[in-house]
C-alpha atoms as a PDB file:
ATOM      1  CA  MET A   1      -0.345  -0.010   0.269  1.00  0.00           C
ATOM      2  CA  GLU A   2       1.527   3.556  -0.906  1.00  0.00           C
ATOM      3  CA  LYS A   3       0.872   6.422   1.787  1.00  0.00           C
ATOM      4  CA  LYS A   4      -0.280   9.653   0.322  1.00  0.00           C
ATOM      5  CA  CYS A   5       1.879  12.717   0.892  1.00  0.00           C
ATOM      6  CA  THR A   6      -0.578  15.496   2.140  1.00  0.00           C
ATOM      7  CA  GLU A   7      -0.401  18.610   2.904  1.00  0.00           C
ATOM      8  CA  ASN A   8       0.401  17.778   6.891  1.00  0.00           C
ATOM      9  CA  THR A   9       2.438  14.818   6.352  1.00  0.00           C
ATOM     10  CA  ARG A  10       5.432  17.154   4.740  1.00  0.00           C
ATOM     11  CA  ARG A  11       4.739  19.771   6.798  1.00  0.00           C
ATOM     12  CA  LEU A  12       8.293  20.944   7.966  1.00  0.00           C
ATOM     13  CA  ILE A  13       8.809  23.663  10.935  1.00  0.00           C
ATOM     14  CA  ARG A  14      11.764  25.958  11.534  1.00  0.00           C
ATOM     15  CA  LEU A  15      13.174  26.428  15.258  1.00  0.00           C
ATOM     16  CA  PRO A  16      10.479  28.674  17.332  1.00  0.00           C
ATOM     17  CA  GLU A  17       7.611  26.624  16.371  1.00  0.00           C
ATOM     18  CA  LEU A  18       9.501  23.209  17.293  1.00  0.00           C
ATOM     19  CA  LEU A  19      10.474  25.046  20.662  1.00  0.00           C
ATOM     20  CA  ARG A  20       6.523  25.837  21.110  1.00  0.00           C
ATOM     21  CA  MET A  21       5.548  22.525  20.285  1.00  0.00           C
ATOM     22  CA  VAL A  22       8.228  20.680  22.815  1.00  0.00           C
ATOM     23  CA  GLY A  23       8.491  23.120  25.289  1.00  0.00           C
ATOM     24  CA  LEU A  24      12.512  23.232  25.375  1.00  0.00           C
ATOM     25  CA  SER A  25      14.268  25.321  24.820  1.00  0.00           C
ATOM     26  CA  ARG A  26      17.082  25.964  22.072  1.00  0.00           C
ATOM     27  CA  SER A  27      20.163  24.462  23.453  1.00  0.00           C
ATOM     28  CA  ALA A  28      17.718  21.525  25.431  1.00  0.00           C
ATOM     29  CA  ILE A  29      17.293  20.555  21.292  1.00  0.00           C
ATOM     30  CA  TYR A  30      20.605  20.786  20.051  1.00  0.00           C
ATOM     31  CA  LEU A  31      22.070  18.624  23.565  1.00  0.00           C
ATOM     32  CA  ARG A  32      19.149  15.668  22.245  1.00  0.00           C
ATOM     33  CA  LEU A  33      20.679  15.720  19.015  1.00  0.00           C
ATOM     34  CA  ASN A  34      23.951  15.423  19.642  1.00  0.00           C
ATOM     35  CA  PRO A  35      25.389  11.897  19.806  1.00  0.00           C
ATOM     36  CA  ARG A  36      28.234  12.976  22.701  1.00  0.00           C
ATOM     37  CA  SER A  37      25.650  14.491  24.575  1.00  0.00           C
ATOM     38  CA  GLN A  38      24.540  13.204  28.004  1.00  0.00           C
ATOM     39  CA  TYR A  39      21.160  14.341  26.852  1.00  0.00           C
ATOM     40  CA  PHE A  40      20.826  13.018  23.676  1.00  0.00           C
ATOM     41  CA  ASP A  41      17.602  11.023  22.508  1.00  0.00           C
ATOM     42  CA  LYS A  42      18.017   8.512  19.697  1.00  0.00           C
ATOM     43  CA  THR A  43      14.264   9.082  19.131  1.00  0.00           C
ATOM     44  CA  PHE A  44      14.055  13.013  18.923  1.00  0.00           C
ATOM     45  CA  PRO A  45      13.408  14.021  15.264  1.00  0.00           C
ATOM     46  CA  ARG A  46      16.437  14.476  13.002  1.00  0.00           C
ATOM     47  CA  PRO A  47      16.245  17.720  11.080  1.00  0.00           C
ATOM     48  CA  VAL A  48      16.046  18.144   7.634  1.00  0.00           C
ATOM     49  CA  SER A  49      18.481  20.551   5.790  1.00  0.00           C
ATOM     50  CA  LEU A  50      16.985  23.530   3.794  1.00  0.00           C
ATOM     51  CA  ALA A  51      19.585  24.370   1.820  1.00  0.00           C
ATOM     52  CA  SER A  52      22.457  23.112  -0.150  1.00  0.00           C
ATOM     53  CA  THR A  53      25.519  23.654   1.966  1.00  0.00           C
ATOM     54  CA  SER A  54      26.193  22.102   5.118  1.00  0.00           C
ATOM     55  CA  ARG A  55      25.637  25.867   7.791  1.00  0.00           C
ATOM     56  CA  GLY A  56      22.249  26.127   5.537  1.00  0.00           C
ATOM     57  CA  ALA A  57      18.929  26.697   7.605  1.00  0.00           C
ATOM     58  CA  VAL A  58      16.892  23.511   9.107  1.00  0.00           C
ATOM     59  CA  ALA A  59      13.592  22.248   9.867  1.00  0.00           C
ATOM     60  CA  TRP A  60      12.017  19.829  11.051  1.00  0.00           C
ATOM     61  CA  SER A  61       9.115  16.996  10.082  1.00  0.00           C
ATOM     62  CA  ALA A  62       6.094  18.476  11.888  1.00  0.00           C
ATOM     63  CA  VAL A  63       4.459  14.793  11.787  1.00  0.00           C
ATOM     64  CA  GLU A  64       7.449  12.723  13.392  1.00  0.00           C
ATOM     65  CA  VAL A  65       7.806  15.969  15.827  1.00  0.00           C
ATOM     66  CA  GLU A  66       4.265  15.043  16.838  1.00  0.00           C
ATOM     67  CA  ARG A  67       4.850  11.334  17.166  1.00  0.00           C
ATOM     68  CA  TRP A  68       7.996  12.046  19.498  1.00  0.00           C
ATOM     69  CA  CYS A  69       5.336  14.198  21.286  1.00  0.00           C
ATOM     70  CA  THR A  70       2.420  11.584  21.614  1.00  0.00           C
ATOM     71  CA  SER A  71       5.262   8.763  22.242  1.00  0.00           C
ATOM     72  CA  ARG A  72       6.772  10.887  25.697  1.00  0.00           C
ATOM     73  CA  LEU A  73       3.391  11.132  26.618  1.00  0.00           C
ATOM     74  CA  GLU A  74       2.578   7.504  26.399  1.00  0.00           C
ATOM     75  CA  ALA A  75       6.058   6.988  28.237  1.00  0.00           C
ATOM     76  CA  ARG A  76       4.585   8.345  31.130  1.00  0.00           C
ATOM     77  CA  GLY A  77       2.351   6.109  31.159  1.00  0.00           C
END
């Protein structure tokens, strides 16, 4: 079965919206993305590059962020 891309499944959000959605600070987000950090979270959504260079803008998949938030709520029991 082929999964259809809808507007919601391909919507990308930038950092300010991500911060509002997850309730974490900018530094807390990047600590969760850094494998060397004690706060590294392999389940946290990875950013998507919006530029052709390595130093360009990034965004996150809204669906992946929502799934991560849901998993955190379910993990608390």
